[in-house]
């Protein structure tokens, strides 16, 4: 079990993404996952791990999206 949590700064960024009408669907999906892992022991699910991994390996996503994906993966189940 992974006991890492989203940092306060990343949670704040995720909150801004969710409120921004110009944020993409993938940004909002990742941001929601980041926020759900803030101040909790929840960890990233397998499907979200796959999504975040694809974002990190793709050239089509910007730094914000990749930052959210990295945060999501940092809370992934290390045994998976």
N, C-alpha and C. Protein backbone atom coordinates (compact mmCIF):
# COMPACT_ATOMS: atom_id res chain seq x y z
N UNK A 1 0.84 -1.19 0.00
CA UNK A 1 0.00 0.00 0.00
C UNK A 1 0.88 1.24 0.00
N UNK A 2 0.52 2.19 -0.80
CA UNK A 2 1.25 3.44 -0.89
C UNK A 2 0.65 4.45 0.08
N UNK A 3 1.47 5.07 0.89
CA UNK A 3 0.97 6.02 1.88
C UNK A 3 1.22 7.47 1.48
N UNK A 4 1.67 7.68 0.26
CA UNK A 4 1.91 9.06 -0.20
C UNK A 4 0.59 9.78 -0.41
N UNK A 5 0.63 11.10 -0.25
CA UNK A 5 -0.54 11.93 -0.49
C UNK A 5 -0.14 13.07 -1.44
N UNK A 6 -1.13 13.61 -2.12
CA UNK A 6 -0.88 14.77 -2.98
C UNK A 6 -0.42 15.94 -2.11
N UNK A 7 0.56 16.69 -2.59
CA UNK A 7 1.03 17.85 -1.85
C UNK A 7 -0.03 18.95 -1.87
N UNK A 8 0.06 19.87 -0.94
CA UNK A 8 -0.89 20.98 -0.88
C UNK A 8 -0.82 21.81 -2.16
N UNK A 9 0.39 22.01 -2.67
CA UNK A 9 0.55 22.79 -3.90
C UNK A 9 -0.10 22.08 -5.09
N UNK A 10 0.11 20.77 -5.19
CA UNK A 10 -0.49 20.03 -6.31
C UNK A 10 -2.00 19.97 -6.16
N UNK A 11 -2.49 19.85 -4.94
CA UNK A 11 -3.94 19.86 -4.71
C UNK A 11 -4.54 21.20 -5.12
N UNK A 12 -3.83 22.28 -4.82
CA UNK A 12 -4.30 23.61 -5.21
C UNK A 12 -4.34 23.75 -6.73
N UNK A 13 -3.30 23.25 -7.40
CA UNK A 13 -3.26 23.28 -8.86
C UNK A 13 -4.42 22.47 -9.44
N UNK A 14 -4.65 21.30 -8.86
CA UNK A 14 -5.74 20.44 -9.33
C UNK A 14 -7.09 21.13 -9.17
N UNK A 15 -7.26 21.82 -8.06
CA UNK A 15 -8.50 22.55 -7.81
C UNK A 15 -8.71 23.63 -8.87
N UNK A 16 -7.65 24.33 -9.21
CA UNK A 16 -7.75 25.38 -10.24
C UNK A 16 -8.11 24.78 -11.58
N UNK A 17 -7.51 23.64 -11.90
CA UNK A 17 -7.81 22.96 -13.17
C UNK A 17 -9.29 22.60 -13.23
N UNK A 18 -9.83 22.07 -12.15
CA UNK A 18 -11.24 21.67 -12.15
C UNK A 18 -12.19 22.85 -12.30
N UNK A 19 -11.78 24.01 -11.83
CA UNK A 19 -12.64 25.20 -11.95
C UNK A 19 -12.48 25.92 -13.28
N UNK A 20 -11.42 25.64 -14.00
CA UNK A 20 -11.13 26.33 -15.26
C UNK A 20 -11.93 25.71 -16.40
N UNK A 21 -12.80 26.50 -17.01
CA UNK A 21 -13.64 25.98 -18.10
C UNK A 21 -12.83 25.62 -19.34
N UNK A 22 -11.59 26.09 -19.42
CA UNK A 22 -10.74 25.79 -20.57
C UNK A 22 -9.88 24.54 -20.37
N UNK A 23 -9.95 23.93 -19.20
CA UNK A 23 -9.18 22.71 -18.95
C UNK A 23 -9.75 21.57 -19.79
N UNK A 24 -8.85 20.72 -20.27
CA UNK A 24 -9.28 19.58 -21.08
C UNK A 24 -9.88 18.49 -20.19
N UNK A 25 -10.56 17.55 -20.83
CA UNK A 25 -11.17 16.44 -20.09
C UNK A 25 -10.12 15.61 -19.38
N UNK A 26 -8.99 15.37 -20.02
CA UNK A 26 -7.94 14.57 -19.40
C UNK A 26 -7.33 15.32 -18.21
N UNK A 27 -7.18 16.64 -18.32
CA UNK A 27 -6.67 17.43 -17.19
C UNK A 27 -7.63 17.33 -16.01
N UNK A 28 -8.92 17.42 -16.29
CA UNK A 28 -9.92 17.35 -15.21
C UNK A 28 -9.95 15.96 -14.58
N UNK A 29 -9.80 14.93 -15.38
CA UNK A 29 -9.79 13.57 -14.86
C UNK A 29 -8.58 13.36 -13.93
N UNK A 30 -7.41 13.82 -14.38
CA UNK A 30 -6.21 13.69 -13.57
C UNK A 30 -6.31 14.55 -12.31
N UNK A 31 -6.82 15.77 -12.46
CA UNK A 31 -6.96 16.68 -11.32
C UNK A 31 -7.89 16.10 -10.26
N UNK A 32 -8.97 15.47 -10.69
CA UNK A 32 -9.90 14.86 -9.75
C UNK A 32 -9.21 13.74 -8.97
N UNK A 33 -8.38 12.99 -9.65
CA UNK A 33 -7.64 11.91 -8.98
C UNK A 33 -6.65 12.49 -7.97
N UNK A 34 -5.95 13.55 -8.37
CA UNK A 34 -5.01 14.21 -7.45
C UNK A 34 -5.74 14.68 -6.20
N UNK A 35 -6.87 15.33 -6.39
CA UNK A 35 -7.62 15.84 -5.23
C UNK A 35 -8.16 14.72 -4.34
N UNK A 36 -8.55 13.63 -4.94
CA UNK A 36 -9.08 12.52 -4.14
C UNK A 36 -7.99 11.89 -3.28
N UNK A 37 -6.74 12.13 -3.64
CA UNK A 37 -5.61 11.57 -2.88
C UNK A 37 -4.97 12.59 -1.95
N UNK A 38 -5.59 13.73 -1.84
CA UNK A 38 -5.10 14.77 -0.94
C UNK A 38 -5.70 14.54 0.45
N UNK A 39 -4.86 14.47 1.45
CA UNK A 39 -5.30 14.24 2.83
C UNK A 39 -6.10 12.95 2.99
N UNK A 40 -5.69 11.91 2.27
CA UNK A 40 -6.35 10.61 2.41
C UNK A 40 -5.32 9.52 2.13
N UNK A 41 -5.69 8.30 2.42
CA UNK A 41 -4.81 7.16 2.13
C UNK A 41 -5.19 6.46 0.84
N UNK A 42 -6.04 7.10 0.03
CA UNK A 42 -6.43 6.50 -1.24
C UNK A 42 -5.22 6.41 -2.15
N UNK A 43 -5.23 5.41 -3.01
CA UNK A 43 -4.17 5.29 -3.99
C UNK A 43 -4.77 5.17 -5.39
N UNK A 44 -3.95 5.42 -6.37
CA UNK A 44 -4.39 5.41 -7.76
C UNK A 44 -4.84 4.03 -8.20
N UNK A 45 -5.97 3.98 -8.90
CA UNK A 45 -6.47 2.72 -9.44
C UNK A 45 -5.72 2.34 -10.71
N UNK A 46 -5.84 1.09 -11.11
CA UNK A 46 -5.11 0.57 -12.26
C UNK A 46 -5.43 1.32 -13.56
N UNK A 47 -6.70 1.64 -13.76
CA UNK A 47 -7.09 2.33 -14.99
C UNK A 47 -6.49 3.73 -15.03
N UNK A 48 -6.50 4.43 -13.90
CA UNK A 48 -5.93 5.77 -13.84
C UNK A 48 -4.42 5.72 -13.99
N UNK A 49 -3.78 4.68 -13.47
CA UNK A 49 -2.34 4.50 -13.65
C UNK A 49 -2.01 4.42 -15.14
N UNK A 50 -2.81 3.65 -15.87
CA UNK A 50 -2.60 3.49 -17.31
C UNK A 50 -2.77 4.82 -18.03
N UNK A 51 -3.82 5.55 -17.69
CA UNK A 51 -4.07 6.85 -18.31
C UNK A 51 -2.92 7.81 -18.04
N UNK A 52 -2.49 7.90 -16.78
CA UNK A 52 -1.41 8.82 -16.42
C UNK A 52 -0.11 8.43 -17.11
N UNK A 53 0.15 7.14 -17.21
CA UNK A 53 1.36 6.66 -17.87
C UNK A 53 1.36 7.05 -19.35
N UNK A 54 0.21 6.92 -20.00
CA UNK A 54 0.11 7.31 -21.42
C UNK A 54 0.34 8.80 -21.60
N UNK A 55 -0.16 9.60 -20.67
CA UNK A 55 0.05 11.05 -20.74
C UNK A 55 1.54 11.37 -20.65
N UNK A 56 2.23 10.73 -19.71
CA UNK A 56 3.65 11.01 -19.52
C UNK A 56 4.52 10.59 -20.70
N UNK A 57 4.09 9.58 -21.43
CA UNK A 57 4.91 9.10 -22.54
C UNK A 57 4.53 9.73 -23.88
N UNK A 58 3.52 10.57 -23.88
CA UNK A 58 3.06 11.21 -25.11
C UNK A 58 3.64 12.62 -25.25
N UNK A 59 3.85 13.03 -26.48
CA UNK A 59 4.35 14.38 -26.76
C UNK A 59 3.23 15.40 -26.91
N UNK A 60 1.98 14.96 -26.91
CA UNK A 60 0.89 15.89 -27.19
C UNK A 60 0.35 16.62 -25.96
N UNK A 61 0.82 16.28 -24.77
CA UNK A 61 0.33 16.91 -23.55
C UNK A 61 1.32 17.95 -23.02
N UNK A 62 0.76 19.02 -22.41
CA UNK A 62 1.62 20.09 -21.89
C UNK A 62 2.15 19.75 -20.50
N UNK A 63 2.99 20.65 -19.98
CA UNK A 63 3.65 20.42 -18.69
C UNK A 63 2.64 20.30 -17.55
N UNK A 64 1.57 21.07 -17.58
CA UNK A 64 0.56 21.00 -16.53
C UNK A 64 -0.06 19.61 -16.49
N UNK A 65 -0.45 19.11 -17.65
CA UNK A 65 -1.08 17.80 -17.72
C UNK A 65 -0.11 16.71 -17.27
N UNK A 66 1.14 16.83 -17.68
CA UNK A 66 2.14 15.85 -17.29
C UNK A 66 2.44 15.93 -15.79
N UNK A 67 2.40 17.12 -15.23
CA UNK A 67 2.60 17.28 -13.79
C UNK A 67 1.50 16.59 -13.00
N UNK A 68 0.26 16.76 -13.45
CA UNK A 68 -0.86 16.08 -12.80
C UNK A 68 -0.71 14.56 -12.92
N UNK A 69 -0.31 14.11 -14.10
CA UNK A 69 -0.13 12.67 -14.32
C UNK A 69 0.98 12.13 -13.42
N UNK A 70 2.05 12.87 -13.27
CA UNK A 70 3.14 12.44 -12.40
C UNK A 70 2.70 12.32 -10.96
N UNK A 71 1.90 13.27 -10.52
CA UNK A 71 1.38 13.22 -9.15
C UNK A 71 0.48 12.01 -8.96
N UNK A 72 -0.35 11.75 -9.93
CA UNK A 72 -1.24 10.58 -9.86
C UNK A 72 -0.42 9.30 -9.76
N UNK A 73 0.61 9.19 -10.59
CA UNK A 73 1.42 7.97 -10.57
C UNK A 73 2.23 7.83 -9.29
N UNK A 74 2.57 8.93 -8.67
CA UNK A 74 3.35 8.83 -7.43
C UNK A 74 2.53 8.21 -6.30
N UNK A 75 1.22 8.18 -6.45
CA UNK A 75 0.37 7.55 -5.45
C UNK A 75 -0.12 6.17 -5.91
N UNK A 76 0.54 5.62 -6.93
CA UNK A 76 0.13 4.33 -7.47
C UNK A 76 0.54 3.18 -6.55
N UNK A 77 -0.12 2.07 -6.74
CA UNK A 77 0.22 0.85 -6.00
C UNK A 77 1.55 0.34 -6.53
N UNK A 78 2.57 0.36 -5.71
CA UNK A 78 3.92 -0.01 -6.13
C UNK A 78 4.03 -1.49 -6.50
N UNK A 79 3.11 -2.30 -6.01
CA UNK A 79 3.16 -3.73 -6.28
C UNK A 79 2.54 -4.09 -7.62
N UNK A 80 1.82 -3.14 -8.24
CA UNK A 80 1.15 -3.42 -9.49
C UNK A 80 2.11 -3.32 -10.64
